[in-house]
Amino acid sequence: MRTILVVNAKGGCGKTTIATNLASCYAVNGAKTVLVDYDPQKSSLEWLAQRPDWRPPIHGIAGFEGPVRYPSGTDRVIIDSPARIESSEETNLVRRSDIIIVPVLPSPIDIRAASHFIGELLTRGKIRQHKTEVAVIANRVRENTIVYHKLEKFLKSLDIPFVTHLRDTQNYIRAADKGIGIFEMAPSAVEQDLKQWRKLTKWVELTNR
């Protein structure tokens, strides 16, 4: 079993989009997948509630309600963390995770917030002992913009992998409305998105084995 935590202390950076699409990706590929939502807003669980019964199953857990137990035989656990996460809760989630993904938006406010958050994150628990791998991704990107180039420069300057960027597209909104992920949409409509996502999934699968 491998546990992937999607986290950033700043709200609105797309954690739920990343978490739900990762869960969808693994489920489609036959992995017994669990999606744990630690945010009381329940965005991931509400996405899961929209998921058609005939789609590959994903087991949802409300992590904010109490102790979490995974079903027997679970292959992948995806954790959607809350915004404004408390330090003790963040440390707890970090310590139970094998891989951490930090999505960052292309805006000056988000870049500054990410700089502080990542610096603090790298000092915690298992990360400090080199047992947890951390990577950043740029989210909701419009490539030919000055602010994205600033974000790209910042992410490349970090001492952790900058794995991919995900473009700003309505495909994610359409997928979320149906309780599915990018990997479950018509390939012709999401070809560019799949290329971006495969960079992330390849890194995850090759990391921390």
Protein backbone atom coordinates (compact mmCIF):
# COMPACT_ATOMS: atom_id res chain seq x y z
CA MET A 1 0.00 0.00 0.00
CA ARG A 2 1.25 3.48 -0.85
CA THR A 3 -0.15 6.68 0.61
CA ILE A 4 -0.11 9.96 -1.33
CA LEU A 5 -0.86 13.21 0.47
CA VAL A 6 -1.99 16.30 -1.45
CA VAL A 7 -1.34 19.30 0.75
CA ASN A 8 -0.88 23.05 0.80
CA ALA A 9 -1.83 25.31 3.69
CA LYS A 10 -3.35 27.85 1.30
CA GLY A 11 -6.89 27.24 0.15
CA GLY A 12 -8.01 27.33 -3.45
CA CYS A 13 -4.88 25.81 -4.98
CA GLY A 14 -6.61 22.76 -6.41
CA LYS A 15 -5.87 20.05 -3.84
CA THR A 16 -9.22 18.34 -4.38
CA THR A 17 -8.79 18.38 -8.16
CA ILE A 18 -5.40 16.69 -7.81
CA ALA A 19 -6.61 14.18 -5.22
CA THR A 20 -9.75 13.13 -7.08
CA ASN A 21 -7.97 12.77 -10.40
CA LEU A 22 -5.23 10.69 -8.80
CA ALA A 23 -7.85 8.44 -7.22
CA SER A 24 -9.63 8.12 -10.55
CA CYS A 25 -6.37 7.28 -12.33
CA TYR A 26 -5.49 4.44 -9.96
CA ALA A 27 -9.02 3.06 -9.90
CA VAL A 28 -9.16 2.99 -13.71
CA ASN A 29 -5.89 1.06 -13.73
CA GLY A 30 -7.27 -1.63 -11.44
CA ALA A 31 -5.81 -0.54 -8.08
CA LYS A 32 -7.97 -0.89 -4.98
CA THR A 33 -8.14 2.82 -4.21
CA VAL A 34 -9.13 4.78 -1.10
CA LEU A 35 -9.81 8.53 -1.11
CA VAL A 36 -9.60 10.11 2.36
CA ASP A 37 -11.11 13.58 2.74
CA TYR A 38 -9.83 15.48 5.79
CA ASP A 39 -11.59 18.71 4.85
CA PRO A 40 -14.94 19.26 6.62
CA GLN A 41 -16.18 20.92 3.42
CA LYS A 42 -16.22 17.36 1.99
CA SER A 43 -15.37 18.38 -1.57
CA SER A 44 -13.71 15.04 -2.40
CA LEU A 45 -16.54 13.06 -0.85
CA GLU A 46 -19.12 15.12 -2.75
CA TRP A 47 -17.21 14.39 -5.97
CA LEU A 48 -17.32 10.72 -5.07
CA ALA A 49 -21.08 10.92 -4.44
CA GLN A 50 -21.53 12.00 -8.08
CA ARG A 51 -19.54 9.03 -9.36
CA PRO A 52 -21.64 6.57 -11.41
CA ASP A 53 -21.91 3.07 -9.95
CA TRP A 54 -20.56 1.49 -13.14
CA ARG A 55 -17.27 3.39 -12.92
CA PRO A 56 -14.25 1.68 -11.28
CA PRO A 57 -14.91 1.85 -7.51
CA ILE A 58 -13.18 4.25 -5.13
CA HIS A 59 -13.68 3.84 -1.39
CA GLY A 60 -14.31 7.18 0.33
CA ILE A 61 -13.49 7.95 3.97
CA ALA A 62 -14.31 11.10 5.97
CA GLY A 63 -10.98 11.54 7.73
CA PHE A 64 -12.23 14.52 9.74
CA GLU A 65 -14.76 12.34 11.57
CA GLY A 66 -12.28 10.23 13.54
CA PRO A 67 -9.82 7.34 13.28
CA VAL A 68 -9.27 6.07 9.74
CA ARG A 69 -9.13 2.39 8.79
CA TYR A 70 -8.43 1.23 5.27
CA PRO A 71 -10.18 -1.77 3.71
CA SER A 72 -8.19 -4.97 3.46
CA GLY A 73 -6.15 -5.20 0.27
CA THR A 74 -5.94 -1.44 -0.33
CA ASP A 75 -3.32 -0.59 -2.96
CA ARG A 76 -3.40 3.21 -3.05
CA VAL A 77 -4.53 5.79 -0.51
CA ILE A 78 -5.02 9.38 -1.67
CA ILE A 79 -5.38 11.99 1.09
CA ASP A 80 -7.07 15.33 0.38
CA SER A 81 -5.94 17.64 3.18
CA PRO A 82 -7.84 20.70 4.44
CA ALA A 83 -6.84 24.30 3.95
CA ARG A 84 -5.54 26.14 7.01
CA ILE A 85 -4.31 22.82 8.34
CA GLU A 86 -3.18 22.81 11.96
CA SER A 87 0.50 22.10 12.57
CA SER A 88 -0.17 18.95 14.62
CA GLU A 89 -2.60 17.57 12.02
CA GLU A 90 -0.17 18.34 9.20
CA THR A 91 2.63 16.51 11.01
CA ASN A 92 0.36 13.51 11.56
CA LEU A 93 -0.61 13.33 7.89
CA VAL A 94 2.99 13.76 6.76
CA ARG A 95 4.19 10.91 8.94
CA ARG A 96 1.65 8.47 7.53
CA SER A 97 2.40 9.38 3.89
CA ASP A 98 4.90 7.92 1.45
CA ILE A 99 4.62 10.73 -1.08
CA ILE A 100 3.58 14.36 -0.75
CA ILE A 101 2.37 16.52 -3.64
CA VAL A 102 2.14 20.29 -3.22
CA PRO A 103 0.09 22.11 -5.88
CA VAL A 104 0.90 25.80 -6.39
CA LEU A 105 -1.02 28.39 -8.41
CA PRO A 106 0.64 31.01 -10.64
CA SER A 107 0.03 34.13 -8.58
CA PRO A 108 2.40 36.27 -6.46
CA ILE A 109 0.36 35.56 -3.31
CA ASP A 110 0.43 31.80 -3.90
CA ILE A 111 4.14 31.79 -4.68
CA ARG A 112 4.98 33.60 -1.44
CA ALA A 113 2.67 31.35 0.58
CA ALA A 114 4.14 28.24 -1.03
CA SER A 115 7.66 29.37 -0.22
CA HIS A 116 6.83 29.56 3.50
CA PHE A 117 4.78 26.37 3.52
CA ILE A 118 7.34 24.22 1.70
CA GLY A 119 10.16 25.51 3.90
CA GLU A 120 8.19 24.49 7.00
CA LEU A 121 7.07 21.19 5.46
CA LEU A 122 10.63 20.05 4.76
CA THR A 123 11.53 20.24 8.45
CA ARG A 124 8.83 17.83 9.61
CA GLY A 125 8.94 14.25 10.85
CA LYS A 126 9.64 11.62 8.23
CA ILE A 127 10.68 14.19 5.63
CA ARG A 128 13.52 15.24 7.88
CA GLN A 129 14.57 11.59 8.01
CA HIS A 130 14.37 11.23 4.19
CA LYS A 131 11.53 8.71 4.37
CA THR A 132 8.90 10.76 2.56
CA GLU A 133 9.31 12.14 -0.96
CA VAL A 134 7.97 15.61 -1.78
CA ALA A 135 7.26 17.20 -5.15
CA VAL A 136 5.57 20.35 -6.40
CA ILE A 137 3.30 20.84 -9.38
CA ALA A 138 2.03 24.03 -10.98
CA ASN A 139 -1.76 24.07 -11.24
CA ARG A 140 -4.23 25.99 -13.43
CA VAL A 141 -1.46 27.20 -15.70
CA ARG A 142 -1.62 29.43 -18.74
CA GLU A 143 1.83 28.86 -20.13
CA ASN A 144 2.47 32.04 -22.09
CA THR A 145 2.05 34.41 -19.17
CA ILE A 146 4.57 36.36 -17.13
CA VAL A 147 3.19 35.10 -13.82
CA TYR A 148 3.57 31.46 -14.89
CA HIS A 149 7.19 32.05 -15.88
CA LYS A 150 7.77 33.51 -12.42
CA LEU A 151 6.15 30.47 -10.82
CA GLU A 152 8.16 28.10 -13.00
CA LYS A 153 11.39 29.85 -12.02
CA PHE A 154 10.45 29.65 -8.34
CA LEU A 155 9.51 25.95 -8.45
CA LYS A 156 12.70 25.04 -10.31
CA SER A 157 14.72 26.82 -7.64
CA LEU A 158 13.44 24.52 -4.90
CA ASP A 159 15.43 21.57 -3.62
CA ILE A 160 12.57 19.19 -4.46
CA PRO A 161 11.26 17.94 -7.82
CA PHE A 162 9.06 20.16 -9.96
CA VAL A 163 7.25 17.31 -11.71
CA THR A 164 4.69 18.85 -14.05
CA HIS A 165 2.25 21.65 -14.70
CA LEU A 166 -1.47 21.26 -15.30
CA ARG A 167 -3.15 23.65 -17.67
CA ASP A 168 -6.15 25.82 -16.90
CA THR A 169 -8.99 24.03 -18.71
CA GLN A 170 -12.72 23.39 -18.42
CA ASN A 171 -12.02 19.65 -18.65
CA TYR A 172 -11.49 19.51 -14.89
CA ILE A 173 -14.80 21.21 -14.23
CA ARG A 174 -16.61 18.83 -16.59
CA ALA A 175 -14.96 15.83 -14.94
CA ALA A 176 -15.73 17.03 -11.42
CA ASP A 177 -19.39 17.53 -12.29
CA LYS A 178 -19.67 13.85 -13.26
CA GLY A 179 -17.59 12.36 -10.46
CA ILE A 180 -14.89 11.19 -12.85
CA GLY A 181 -11.29 12.08 -13.66
CA ILE A 182 -9.28 13.17 -16.68
CA PHE A 183 -8.30 9.56 -17.36
CA GLU A 184 -11.97 8.61 -17.77
CA MET A 185 -12.82 11.22 -20.39
CA ALA A 186 -12.66 10.83 -24.16
CA PRO A 187 -8.91 10.68 -24.99
CA SER A 188 -9.31 13.04 -27.92
CA ALA A 189 -10.68 15.75 -25.60
CA VAL A 190 -7.97 15.44 -22.94
CA GLU A 191 -4.87 14.45 -24.91
CA GLN A 192 -2.84 17.42 -23.69
CA ASP A 193 -3.99 16.93 -20.10
CA LEU A 194 -3.07 13.24 -20.15
CA LYS A 195 0.49 14.08 -21.21
CA GLN A 196 0.82 16.43 -18.25
CA TRP A 197 -0.68 13.93 -15.81
CA ARG A 198 1.50 11.05 -16.97
CA LYS A 199 4.57 12.98 -15.87
CA LEU A 200 3.13 13.07 -12.36
CA THR A 201 1.95 9.46 -12.22
CA LYS A 202 5.27 8.23 -13.62
CA TRP A 203 7.17 10.14 -10.95
CA VAL A 204 4.89 8.80 -8.21
CA GLU A 205 5.28 5.21 -9.34
CA LEU A 206 9.06 5.42 -9.62
CA THR A 207 9.48 7.18 -6.28
CA ASN A 208 10.02 5.75 -2.82
CA ARG A 209 9.94 2.08 -3.77
